[in-house]
Amino acid sequence: MKIICVGKNYANHIQEMGGEKPKDIVLFIKPDTAIHNPELPFYIPDFTADLHHEVELVIKINQNGKHISEKFAHKYYDEIALGIDFTARDLQAQLKKEGLPWEKSKAFDGSAVVSSFLPKAQFGKAIGFSLNKNGVTVQQGNTADMIWNIDQIISQVSKFFTLRKGDFIFTGTPAGVGSVHSGDFLEGFLEVESMFSLRIK
């Protein structure tokens, strides 16, 4: 399986990062070794001094597909989860400055926290989600604010990559990304339902 991630999918996050809205969807991939079970503590890697949290809605692909039409894309997932795309921001900035790929800063082992999955039928079309750090809400998002909605994401992704049953898609992060430090406690919510609790070491 693979983890496909969407970048720059919330205007407020683009603004806080000083970027511009992309003309085309931004995609990158994490290997399956990036998956981290939130029931286990997360240890900050020694190659970064500025690790950032990016909370995201995650979907699980339920059948193989290629060149999927947007109008049929909803048939390709029926479960959603909450995840964190951990980013070594200092390393990412260095790699960007040098014009190099930045997988080292985004796709390292354990960089993709994924909660358990819930049926999408439990939720409406506009799904709210949030991340608390040490009891304080630091990120809040809603799928209604996505630049590319989930069906558009599936269709666009399938133009470039064959989707296989069991693949995950991280759908982008809203504003409020920030650093985490040893001792921090992160809690993720889909609407009001707690999806994970994660201790940072």
Protein backbone atom coordinates (compact mmCIF):
# COMPACT_ATOMS: atom_id res chain seq x y z
CA MET A 1 0.00 0.00 0.00
CA LYS A 2 0.98 3.63 -0.39
CA ILE A 3 0.15 6.92 1.29
CA ILE A 4 -0.66 9.77 -1.07
CA CYS A 5 -0.70 13.25 0.43
CA VAL A 6 -2.24 16.48 -0.84
CA GLY A 7 -0.41 19.74 -0.19
CA LYS A 8 -1.79 23.28 -0.17
CA ASN A 9 -5.44 22.26 -0.01
CA TYR A 10 -6.65 24.87 2.49
CA ALA A 11 -6.34 28.56 1.65
CA ASN A 12 -5.74 29.59 5.27
CA HIS A 13 -2.77 27.22 5.54
CA ILE A 14 -1.30 28.51 2.27
CA GLN A 15 -1.59 32.03 3.68
CA GLU A 16 0.11 31.20 6.98
CA MET A 17 3.00 29.59 5.08
CA GLY A 18 3.39 32.63 2.81
CA GLY A 19 2.57 30.67 -0.34
CA GLU A 20 0.26 31.07 -3.29
CA LYS A 21 -2.72 28.97 -4.31
CA PRO A 22 -1.43 26.36 -6.78
CA LYS A 23 -2.95 26.05 -10.23
CA ASP A 24 -2.80 22.26 -10.07
CA ILE A 25 -3.15 19.79 -7.22
CA VAL A 26 0.05 19.25 -5.19
CA LEU A 27 0.84 15.60 -4.43
CA PHE A 28 3.58 13.70 -2.65
CA ILE A 29 3.93 10.14 -1.39
CA LYS A 30 4.97 8.55 1.88
CA PRO A 31 6.04 4.89 2.10
CA ASP A 32 4.14 2.44 4.27
CA THR A 33 6.97 2.63 6.81
CA ALA A 34 5.78 6.16 7.59
CA ILE A 35 2.65 4.85 9.34
CA HIS A 36 2.64 5.41 13.10
CA ASN A 37 0.17 3.82 15.50
CA PRO A 38 -1.10 6.63 17.76
CA GLU A 39 -1.40 4.19 20.66
CA LEU A 40 2.41 4.30 20.80
CA PRO A 41 4.42 7.39 21.78
CA PHE A 42 6.08 9.35 18.98
CA TYR A 43 9.80 9.99 19.32
CA ILE A 44 11.08 13.17 17.67
CA PRO A 45 13.81 12.25 15.16
CA ASP A 46 17.30 13.53 15.88
CA PHE A 47 17.61 15.11 12.40
CA THR A 48 15.15 17.92 13.16
CA ALA A 49 14.93 20.73 15.69
CA ASP A 50 11.56 21.97 14.41
CA LEU A 51 9.01 19.18 14.01
CA HIS A 52 5.53 20.40 13.02
CA HIS A 53 2.10 18.81 13.36
CA GLU A 54 -0.31 18.92 10.40
CA VAL A 55 -3.68 17.35 11.17
CA GLU A 56 -5.55 15.93 8.17
CA LEU A 57 -8.62 13.94 7.19
CA VAL A 58 -7.56 10.56 5.78
CA ILE A 59 -9.52 8.31 3.43
CA LYS A 60 -8.94 4.62 2.68
CA ILE A 61 -9.35 3.43 -0.92
CA ASN A 62 -11.67 0.41 -1.13
CA GLN A 63 -11.03 -0.81 -4.70
CA ASN A 64 -8.46 -0.56 -7.46
CA GLY A 65 -8.86 2.28 -9.93
CA LYS A 66 -7.19 4.35 -12.63
CA HIS A 67 -8.45 7.46 -14.46
CA ILE A 68 -11.45 7.65 -12.14
CA SER A 69 -14.17 10.08 -13.14
CA GLU A 70 -15.02 12.66 -10.48
CA LYS A 71 -18.69 11.63 -10.58
CA PHE A 72 -17.78 8.05 -9.65
CA ALA A 73 -15.01 8.87 -7.16
CA HIS A 74 -17.31 8.55 -4.13
CA LYS A 75 -17.54 4.82 -4.84
CA TYR A 76 -13.80 4.40 -4.17
CA TYR A 77 -13.85 5.08 -0.43
CA ASP A 78 -16.26 4.38 2.40
CA GLU A 79 -14.09 4.95 5.49
CA ILE A 80 -12.38 7.99 6.93
CA ALA A 81 -9.82 8.54 9.67
CA LEU A 82 -7.79 11.35 11.18
CA GLY A 83 -4.05 11.64 10.74
CA ILE A 84 -1.02 13.78 11.35
CA ASP A 85 1.48 14.56 8.63
CA PHE A 86 4.57 15.21 10.75
CA THR A 87 6.97 17.56 9.00
CA ALA A 88 10.60 18.36 9.80
CA ARG A 89 10.10 22.02 8.93
CA ASP A 90 13.74 23.06 9.27
CA LEU A 91 14.91 20.24 7.02
CA GLN A 92 12.11 20.96 4.55
CA ALA A 93 13.11 24.64 4.36
CA GLN A 94 16.73 23.67 3.71
CA LEU A 95 15.80 21.21 0.97
CA LYS A 96 13.45 23.72 -0.69
CA LYS A 97 16.16 26.37 -0.61
CA GLU A 98 18.52 24.00 -2.40
CA GLY A 99 15.85 23.04 -4.94
CA LEU A 100 15.86 19.43 -3.78
CA PRO A 101 13.01 16.97 -3.21
CA TRP A 102 11.80 17.10 0.39
CA GLU A 103 10.78 13.51 1.12
CA LYS A 104 13.39 13.42 3.90
CA SER A 105 11.33 16.01 5.76
CA LYS A 106 7.91 14.50 5.11
CA ALA A 107 8.20 10.76 4.45
CA PHE A 108 10.47 9.56 7.24
CA ASP A 109 9.59 6.57 9.44
CA GLY A 110 6.59 7.30 11.65
CA SER A 111 5.70 10.59 9.95
CA ALA A 112 2.11 9.52 9.18
CA VAL A 113 -0.05 9.07 12.25
CA VAL A 114 -3.32 7.34 11.31
CA SER A 115 -6.26 6.72 13.64
CA SER A 116 -8.75 3.89 13.34
CA PHE A 117 -11.23 4.28 10.48
CA LEU A 118 -14.94 5.05 10.72
CA PRO A 119 -17.69 4.62 8.10
CA LYS A 120 -18.10 7.81 6.09
CA ALA A 121 -21.86 7.26 6.35
CA GLN A 122 -21.59 8.48 9.96
CA PHE A 123 -20.73 11.96 8.72
CA GLY A 124 -22.29 14.61 6.53
CA LYS A 125 -20.73 16.16 3.44
CA ALA A 126 -18.97 18.85 5.49
CA ILE A 127 -16.79 17.14 8.09
CA GLY A 128 -15.16 19.11 10.88
CA PHE A 129 -11.91 18.02 12.50
CA SER A 130 -9.45 19.45 14.99
CA LEU A 131 -6.21 18.94 16.88
CA ASN A 132 -5.56 19.83 20.51
CA LYS A 133 -2.07 20.28 21.93
CA ASN A 134 -1.83 20.03 25.70
CA GLY A 135 -5.56 20.66 25.98
CA VAL A 136 -5.64 23.71 23.70
CA THR A 137 -7.15 23.60 20.19
CA VAL A 138 -4.39 24.50 17.71
CA GLN A 139 -5.92 23.39 14.40
CA GLN A 140 -9.51 23.35 13.19
CA GLY A 141 -10.64 22.42 9.70
CA ASN A 142 -13.69 21.48 7.69
CA THR A 143 -13.80 19.59 4.43
CA ALA A 144 -16.13 22.30 3.07
CA ASP A 145 -13.08 24.59 2.98
CA MET A 146 -10.93 22.31 0.81
CA ILE A 147 -9.66 23.75 -2.47
CA TRP A 148 -9.98 20.27 -4.01
CA ASN A 149 -12.75 18.19 -2.45
CA ILE A 150 -12.36 14.48 -1.80
CA ASP A 151 -13.94 13.34 -5.07
CA GLN A 152 -11.74 15.75 -7.03
CA ILE A 153 -8.69 14.51 -5.15
CA ILE A 154 -9.42 10.87 -5.99
CA SER A 155 -9.99 11.72 -9.65
CA GLN A 156 -6.83 13.83 -9.90
CA VAL A 157 -4.64 11.34 -8.05
CA SER A 158 -5.82 8.47 -10.27
CA LYS A 159 -4.57 10.28 -13.37
CA PHE A 160 -1.00 9.87 -12.15
CA PHE A 161 -1.06 6.85 -9.81
CA THR A 162 -3.07 3.65 -9.96
CA LEU A 163 -5.06 3.49 -6.74
CA ARG A 164 -5.14 0.14 -5.00
CA LYS A 165 -7.42 -1.18 -2.31
CA GLY A 166 -5.97 -0.21 1.07
CA ASP A 167 -4.15 2.94 -0.09
CA PHE A 168 -4.48 5.99 2.16
CA ILE A 169 -4.95 9.57 0.99
CA PHE A 170 -4.10 12.45 3.34
CA THR A 171 -6.31 15.29 2.13
CA GLY A 172 -4.45 18.38 3.35
CA THR A 173 -4.08 20.45 6.51
CA PRO A 174 -5.78 23.68 7.61
CA ALA A 175 -4.07 26.63 9.31
CA GLY A 176 -2.53 26.35 12.74
CA VAL A 177 0.45 24.07 12.09
CA GLY A 178 3.15 24.39 14.70
CA SER A 179 6.03 22.82 16.55
CA VAL A 180 5.81 19.88 18.91
CA HIS A 181 8.24 19.13 21.72
CA SER A 182 9.02 16.28 24.05
CA GLY A 183 6.27 16.05 26.66
CA ASP A 184 3.50 17.44 24.43
CA PHE A 185 0.17 15.60 24.29
CA LEU A 186 -1.83 15.67 21.06
CA GLU A 187 -5.52 14.78 20.72
CA GLY A 188 -7.32 14.53 17.38
CA PHE A 189 -11.06 14.84 16.82
CA LEU A 190 -13.45 14.11 13.94
CA GLU A 191 -16.38 16.38 14.78
CA VAL A 192 -16.65 15.73 18.54
CA GLU A 193 -15.37 12.14 18.44
CA SER A 194 -11.90 11.56 19.84
CA MET A 195 -9.83 9.68 17.25
CA PHE A 196 -6.39 9.53 18.82
CA SER A 197 -4.25 10.62 21.75
CA LEU A 198 -0.53 10.82 21.15
CA ARG A 199 2.33 11.49 23.54
CA ILE A 200 5.45 13.15 22.12
CA LYS A 201 8.79 11.94 23.47
